[in-house]
Amino acid sequence: MICAHCQQPLQEGETKCPRCGAFVSVAASSYAALGRSFSPFAVPAGPPKPPERQVWQPPRRDLGDSFDAPSSVTLTAATSLGPSSLASAVLPAPRIAPEPAPVPTPPVLSAARLFGFFLLMCLPLVGLLCACVWAFGRRTGLQLKNLARAALLFLLTVWVLLAAAAWWAITVHLPTINAIWEALFR
């Protein structure tokens, strides 16, 4: 039997080369027991098998540890020893994402419900209170919540415009209003 690294002849049963210090592989000793020579650079008969490859993806942070995954995945890759030599490496298992839960679709507001909403908004105090409850409530559907928020923004815009128009009318036409008031009630 000879050392696979430095080609030094070895005694039977030696596990380490006395010249280079390389360990004698089990395959070399079993080949020697059969009377054959062993070389790690020997090319096997037939075409080489392609290495087994699996794509490893980094773990997603939003998955947590709520599912079971295999503890390891073995990947096989070619090493620099030769074209046919393969070595296996054990890498951590990829995290497999569980199936996402289906997202429930919110119910669509019917025409009758929209009509009722606009009818309530016509009532001065009741419409304002209902719009506030629907816009900021927790049990309100998303469509009704957005509609109520839009109605509140519309009301706020109208009130600001009316206040600006009233201020302009009072400041510009105040002398005229005073003259009419004096003429009527004198």
C-alpha atoms as a PDB file:
ATOM      1  CA  MET A   1       0.000   0.000   0.000  1.00  0.00           C
ATOM      2  CA  ILE A   2       1.257   3.515  -0.819  1.00  0.00           C
ATOM      3  CA  CYS A   3       0.355   7.004   0.477  1.00  0.00           C
ATOM      4  CA  ALA A   4      -2.112   8.810  -1.773  1.00  0.00           C
ATOM      5  CA  HIS A   5      -0.390  12.169  -1.184  1.00  0.00           C
ATOM      6  CA  CYS A   6       3.360  11.539  -1.355  1.00  0.00           C
ATOM      7  CA  GLN A   7       3.496   8.060  -2.960  1.00  0.00           C
ATOM      8  CA  GLN A   8       5.555   6.700  -0.014  1.00  0.00           C
ATOM      9  CA  PRO A   9       5.249   2.905   0.506  1.00  0.00           C
ATOM     10  CA  LEU A  10       3.360   2.123   3.748  1.00  0.00           C
ATOM     11  CA  GLN A  11       3.365  -0.888   6.038  1.00  0.00           C
ATOM     12  CA  GLU A  12       0.145  -2.919   6.300  1.00  0.00           C
ATOM     13  CA  GLY A  13      -2.150  -1.571   9.040  1.00  0.00           C
ATOM     14  CA  GLU A  14      -0.601   1.932   9.219  1.00  0.00           C
ATOM     15  CA  THR A  15      -3.198   4.690   9.576  1.00  0.00           C
ATOM     16  CA  LYS A  16      -0.805   7.611   9.101  1.00  0.00           C
ATOM     17  CA  CYS A  17       1.959   8.217   6.569  1.00  0.00           C
ATOM     18  CA  PRO A  18       5.367   8.507   8.323  1.00  0.00           C
ATOM     19  CA  ARG A  19       6.696  10.883   5.636  1.00  0.00           C
ATOM     20  CA  CYS A  20       3.892  13.473   5.062  1.00  0.00           C
ATOM     21  CA  GLY A  21       1.642  12.749   8.040  1.00  0.00           C
ATOM     22  CA  ALA A  22      -1.485  12.249   5.922  1.00  0.00           C
ATOM     23  CA  PHE A  23      -4.052   9.819   7.234  1.00  0.00           C
ATOM     24  CA  VAL A  24      -4.585   6.685   5.173  1.00  0.00           C
ATOM     25  CA  SER A  25      -8.214   6.478   4.095  1.00  0.00           C
ATOM     26  CA  VAL A  26     -10.433   3.512   4.794  1.00  0.00           C
ATOM     27  CA  ALA A  27     -10.973   3.146   1.060  1.00  0.00           C
ATOM     28  CA  ALA A  28      -7.236   2.791   0.452  1.00  0.00           C
ATOM     29  CA  SER A  29      -6.860   0.112   3.087  1.00  0.00           C
ATOM     30  CA  SER A  30      -9.892  -1.791   1.767  1.00  0.00           C
ATOM     31  CA  TYR A  31      -8.480  -1.597  -1.777  1.00  0.00           C
ATOM     32  CA  ALA A  32      -5.161  -2.885  -0.471  1.00  0.00           C
ATOM     33  CA  ALA A  33      -6.948  -5.777   1.197  1.00  0.00           C
ATOM     34  CA  LEU A  34      -8.436  -6.677  -2.175  1.00  0.00           C
ATOM     35  CA  GLY A  35      -5.039  -6.479  -3.844  1.00  0.00           C
ATOM     36  CA  ARG A  36      -5.847  -3.403  -5.909  1.00  0.00           C
ATOM     37  CA  SER A  37      -4.145  -0.032  -5.969  1.00  0.00           C
ATOM     38  CA  PHE A  38      -6.045   3.057  -4.825  1.00  0.00           C
ATOM     39  CA  SER A  39      -5.689   6.544  -6.209  1.00  0.00           C
ATOM     40  CA  PRO A  40      -7.991   9.470  -5.409  1.00  0.00           C
ATOM     41  CA  PHE A  41      -7.293  10.791  -8.913  1.00  0.00           C
ATOM     42  CA  ALA A  42      -8.601   7.704 -10.700  1.00  0.00           C
ATOM     43  CA  VAL A  43     -11.297   8.499 -13.248  1.00  0.00           C
ATOM     44  CA  PRO A  44     -14.341   6.245 -12.911  1.00  0.00           C
ATOM     45  CA  ALA A  45     -15.678   4.425 -15.932  1.00  0.00           C
ATOM     46  CA  GLY A  46     -18.542   6.200 -17.672  1.00  0.00           C
ATOM     47  CA  PRO A  47     -19.635   9.834 -17.565  1.00  0.00           C
ATOM     48  CA  PRO A  48     -19.365  11.611 -14.210  1.00  0.00           C
ATOM     49  CA  LYS A  49     -22.574  12.242 -12.304  1.00  0.00           C
ATOM     50  CA  PRO A  50     -23.568  15.886 -11.999  1.00  0.00           C
ATOM     51  CA  PRO A  51     -23.337  17.121  -8.415  1.00  0.00           C
ATOM     52  CA  GLU A  52     -26.548  17.272  -6.417  1.00  0.00           C
ATOM     53  CA  ARG A  53     -27.536  20.908  -5.965  1.00  0.00           C
ATOM     54  CA  GLN A  54     -30.177  22.581  -3.879  1.00  0.00           C
ATOM     55  CA  VAL A  55     -30.719  26.303  -3.700  1.00  0.00           C
ATOM     56  CA  TRP A  56     -30.340  27.651  -0.202  1.00  0.00           C
ATOM     57  CA  GLN A  57     -32.342  30.723   0.697  1.00  0.00           C
ATOM     58  CA  PRO A  58     -31.748  32.845   3.786  1.00  0.00           C
ATOM     59  CA  PRO A  59     -34.407  32.561   6.488  1.00  0.00           C
ATOM     60  CA  ARG A  60     -37.258  35.050   6.368  1.00  0.00           C
ATOM     61  CA  ARG A  61     -37.601  37.104   9.501  1.00  0.00           C
ATOM     62  CA  ASP A  62     -41.400  37.163   9.586  1.00  0.00           C
ATOM     63  CA  LEU A  63     -41.906  33.372   9.773  1.00  0.00           C
ATOM     64  CA  GLY A  64     -40.975  32.724  13.393  1.00  0.00           C
ATOM     65  CA  ASP A  65     -40.480  29.158  14.562  1.00  0.00           C
ATOM     66  CA  SER A  66     -44.039  27.970  14.021  1.00  0.00           C
ATOM     67  CA  PHE A  67     -43.211  25.134  11.624  1.00  0.00           C
ATOM     68  CA  ASP A  68     -40.915  22.116  11.540  1.00  0.00           C
ATOM     69  CA  ALA A  69     -38.045  21.979   9.058  1.00  0.00           C
ATOM     70  CA  PRO A  70     -35.442  19.269   8.496  1.00  0.00           C
ATOM     71  CA  SER A  71     -32.337  19.735  10.649  1.00  0.00           C
ATOM     72  CA  SER A  72     -29.841  19.720   7.768  1.00  0.00           C
ATOM     73  CA  VAL A  73     -29.540  19.416   4.009  1.00  0.00           C
ATOM     74  CA  THR A  74     -26.573  17.678   2.388  1.00  0.00           C
ATOM     75  CA  LEU A  75     -25.096  19.409  -0.627  1.00  0.00           C
ATOM     76  CA  THR A  76     -22.510  17.750  -2.829  1.00  0.00           C
ATOM     77  CA  ALA A  77     -19.910  19.837  -4.655  1.00  0.00           C
ATOM     78  CA  ALA A  78     -16.724  19.188  -6.614  1.00  0.00           C
ATOM     79  CA  THR A  79     -13.461  19.868  -4.763  1.00  0.00           C
ATOM     80  CA  SER A  80     -10.020  20.821  -6.005  1.00  0.00           C
ATOM     81  CA  LEU A  81      -8.629  17.278  -5.706  1.00  0.00           C
ATOM     82  CA  GLY A  82      -9.645  16.285  -9.170  1.00  0.00           C
ATOM     83  CA  PRO A  83     -12.430  16.333 -11.740  1.00  0.00           C
ATOM     84  CA  SER A  84     -14.233  13.268 -10.385  1.00  0.00           C
ATOM     85  CA  SER A  85     -13.693  13.642  -6.672  1.00  0.00           C
ATOM     86  CA  LEU A  86     -16.713  14.835  -4.737  1.00  0.00           C
ATOM     87  CA  ALA A  87     -17.028  15.955  -1.168  1.00  0.00           C
ATOM     88  CA  SER A  88     -20.169  16.511   0.804  1.00  0.00           C
ATOM     89  CA  ALA A  89     -20.818  19.481   3.019  1.00  0.00           C
ATOM     90  CA  VAL A  90     -23.608  19.854   5.523  1.00  0.00           C
ATOM     91  CA  LEU A  91     -25.273  23.247   5.497  1.00  0.00           C
ATOM     92  CA  PRO A  92     -28.107  24.499   7.663  1.00  0.00           C
ATOM     93  CA  ALA A  93     -31.536  23.631   6.382  1.00  0.00           C
ATOM     94  CA  PRO A  94     -33.410  26.272   4.408  1.00  0.00           C
ATOM     95  CA  ARG A  95     -36.497  27.624   6.079  1.00  0.00           C
ATOM     96  CA  ILE A  96     -39.530  26.635   4.113  1.00  0.00           C
ATOM     97  CA  ALA A  97     -42.266  29.241   4.211  1.00  0.00           C
ATOM     98  CA  PRO A  98     -45.698  27.977   5.228  1.00  0.00           C
ATOM     99  CA  GLU A  99     -48.639  28.574   2.934  1.00  0.00           C
ATOM    100  CA  PRO A 100     -50.013  32.072   3.558  1.00  0.00           C
ATOM    101  CA  ALA A 101     -53.515  32.237   4.931  1.00  0.00           C
ATOM    102  CA  PRO A 102     -56.060  33.476   2.396  1.00  0.00           C
ATOM    103  CA  VAL A 103     -56.959  37.117   2.895  1.00  0.00           C
ATOM    104  CA  PRO A 104     -60.691  37.560   3.339  1.00  0.00           C
ATOM    105  CA  THR A 105     -62.209  40.075   0.954  1.00  0.00           C
ATOM    106  CA  PRO A 106     -64.297  42.781   2.631  1.00  0.00           C
ATOM    107  CA  PRO A 107     -67.974  42.948   1.737  1.00  0.00           C
ATOM    108  CA  VAL A 108     -68.849  45.491  -0.935  1.00  0.00           C
ATOM    109  CA  LEU A 109     -71.174  48.327   0.106  1.00  0.00           C
ATOM    110  CA  SER A 110     -74.525  47.929  -1.600  1.00  0.00           C
ATOM    111  CA  ALA A 111     -76.394  50.795  -3.244  1.00  0.00           C
ATOM    112  CA  ALA A 112     -79.031  50.753  -0.499  1.00  0.00           C
ATOM    113  CA  ARG A 113     -76.380  51.052   2.208  1.00  0.00           C
ATOM    114  CA  LEU A 114     -74.695  53.932   0.371  1.00  0.00           C
ATOM    115  CA  PHE A 115     -78.067  55.668  -0.006  1.00  0.00           C
ATOM    116  CA  GLY A 116     -78.682  55.268   3.738  1.00  0.00           C
ATOM    117  CA  PHE A 117     -75.247  56.670   4.495  1.00  0.00           C
ATOM    118  CA  PHE A 118     -75.853  59.800   2.413  1.00  0.00           C
ATOM    119  CA  LEU A 119     -79.340  60.182   3.870  1.00  0.00           C
ATOM    120  CA  LEU A 120     -77.902  60.106   7.414  1.00  0.00           C
ATOM    121  CA  MET A 121     -75.217  62.596   6.427  1.00  0.00           C
ATOM    122  CA  CYS A 122     -77.971  65.083   5.499  1.00  0.00           C
ATOM    123  CA  LEU A 123     -79.123  65.194   9.122  1.00  0.00           C
ATOM    124  CA  PRO A 124     -77.021  67.844  10.895  1.00  0.00           C
ATOM    125  CA  LEU A 125     -75.989  66.332  14.220  1.00  0.00           C
ATOM    126  CA  VAL A 126     -76.853  62.658  13.617  1.00  0.00           C
ATOM    127  CA  GLY A 127     -74.847  62.538  10.393  1.00  0.00           C
ATOM    128  CA  LEU A 128     -71.801  64.050  12.056  1.00  0.00           C
ATOM    129  CA  LEU A 129     -71.955  61.600  14.980  1.00  0.00           C
ATOM    130  CA  CYS A 130     -72.472  58.568  12.712  1.00  0.00           C
ATOM    131  CA  ALA A 131     -69.598  59.663  10.461  1.00  0.00           C
ATOM    132  CA  CYS A 132     -67.291  60.004  13.485  1.00  0.00           C
ATOM    133  CA  VAL A 133     -68.271  56.561  14.819  1.00  0.00           C
ATOM    134  CA  TRP A 134     -67.810  54.911  11.415  1.00  0.00           C
ATOM    135  CA  ALA A 135     -64.537  56.743  10.640  1.00  0.00           C
ATOM    136  CA  PHE A 136     -62.818  55.949  13.938  1.00  0.00           C
ATOM    137  CA  GLY A 137     -64.586  52.777  15.110  1.00  0.00           C
ATOM    138  CA  ARG A 138     -62.862  49.402  15.313  1.00  0.00           C
ATOM    139  CA  ARG A 139     -65.730  47.244  14.090  1.00  0.00           C
ATOM    140  CA  THR A 140     -66.373  49.180  10.899  1.00  0.00           C
ATOM    141  CA  GLY A 141     -65.550  47.691   7.504  1.00  0.00           C
ATOM    142  CA  LEU A 142     -62.759  49.271   5.501  1.00  0.00           C
ATOM    143  CA  GLN A 143     -65.025  50.656   2.753  1.00  0.00           C
ATOM    144  CA  LEU A 144     -67.457  52.278   5.175  1.00  0.00           C
ATOM    145  CA  LYS A 145     -64.551  53.620   7.247  1.00  0.00           C
ATOM    146  CA  ASN A 146     -62.952  55.252   4.190  1.00  0.00           C
ATOM    147  CA  LEU A 147     -66.293  56.642   3.025  1.00  0.00           C
ATOM    148  CA  ALA A 148     -66.947  58.169   6.468  1.00  0.00           C
ATOM    149  CA  ARG A 149     -63.463  59.681   6.582  1.00  0.00           C
ATOM    150  CA  ALA A 150     -63.988  61.199   3.135  1.00  0.00           C
ATOM    151  CA  ALA A 151     -67.349  62.609   4.252  1.00  0.00           C
ATOM    152  CA  LEU A 152     -65.741  64.172   7.339  1.00  0.00           C
ATOM    153  CA  LEU A 153     -63.013  65.747   5.205  1.00  0.00           C
ATOM    154  CA  PHE A 154     -65.663  67.069   2.830  1.00  0.00           C
ATOM    155  CA  LEU A 155     -67.663  68.559   5.725  1.00  0.00           C
ATOM    156  CA  LEU A 156     -64.526  70.137   7.182  1.00  0.00           C
ATOM    157  CA  THR A 157     -63.678  71.664   3.791  1.00  0.00           C
ATOM    158  CA  VAL A 158     -67.221  73.057   3.392  1.00  0.00           C
ATOM    159  CA  TRP A 159     -67.199  74.527   6.924  1.00  0.00           C
ATOM    160  CA  VAL A 160     -63.834  76.240   6.324  1.00  0.00           C
ATOM    161  CA  LEU A 161     -65.037  77.691   3.013  1.00  0.00           C
ATOM    162  CA  LEU A 162     -68.305  78.895   4.581  1.00  0.00           C
ATOM    163  CA  ALA A 163     -66.428  80.492   7.492  1.00  0.00           C
ATOM    164  CA  ALA A 164     -64.060  82.251   5.064  1.00  0.00           C
ATOM    165  CA  ALA A 165     -66.992  83.480   2.952  1.00  0.00           C
ATOM    166  CA  ALA A 166     -68.842  84.748   6.046  1.00  0.00           C
ATOM    167  CA  TRP A 167     -65.751  86.567   7.319  1.00  0.00           C
ATOM    168  CA  TRP A 168     -65.218  88.180   3.926  1.00  0.00           C
ATOM    169  CA  ALA A 169     -68.875  89.225   3.692  1.00  0.00           C
ATOM    170  CA  ILE A 170     -68.875  90.734   7.167  1.00  0.00           C
ATOM    171  CA  THR A 171     -65.603  92.633   6.783  1.00  0.00           C
ATOM    172  CA  VAL A 172     -66.283  93.968   3.288  1.00  0.00           C
ATOM    173  CA  HIS A 173     -70.004  94.745   3.607  1.00  0.00           C
ATOM    174  CA  LEU A 174     -70.207  95.756   7.287  1.00  0.00           C
ATOM    175  CA  PRO A 175     -70.888  99.461   6.549  1.00  0.00           C
ATOM    176  CA  THR A 176     -73.665  98.481   4.144  1.00  0.00           C
ATOM    177  CA  ILE A 177     -75.204  96.093   6.691  1.00  0.00           C
ATOM    178  CA  ASN A 178     -75.128  98.819   9.369  1.00  0.00           C
ATOM    179  CA  ALA A 179     -76.850 101.306   7.057  1.00  0.00           C
ATOM    180  CA  ILE A 180     -79.607  98.788   6.219  1.00  0.00           C
ATOM    181  CA  TRP A 181     -80.036  97.942   9.909  1.00  0.00           C
ATOM    182  CA  GLU A 182     -80.403 101.599  10.871  1.00  0.00           C
ATOM    183  CA  ALA A 183     -82.864 102.262   8.040  1.00  0.00           C
ATOM    184  CA  LEU A 184     -85.095  99.325   9.027  1.00  0.00           C
ATOM    185  CA  PHE A 185     -85.209  99.782  12.763  1.00  0.00           C
ATOM    186  CA  ARG A 186     -85.057 103.548  13.190  1.00  0.00           C
END
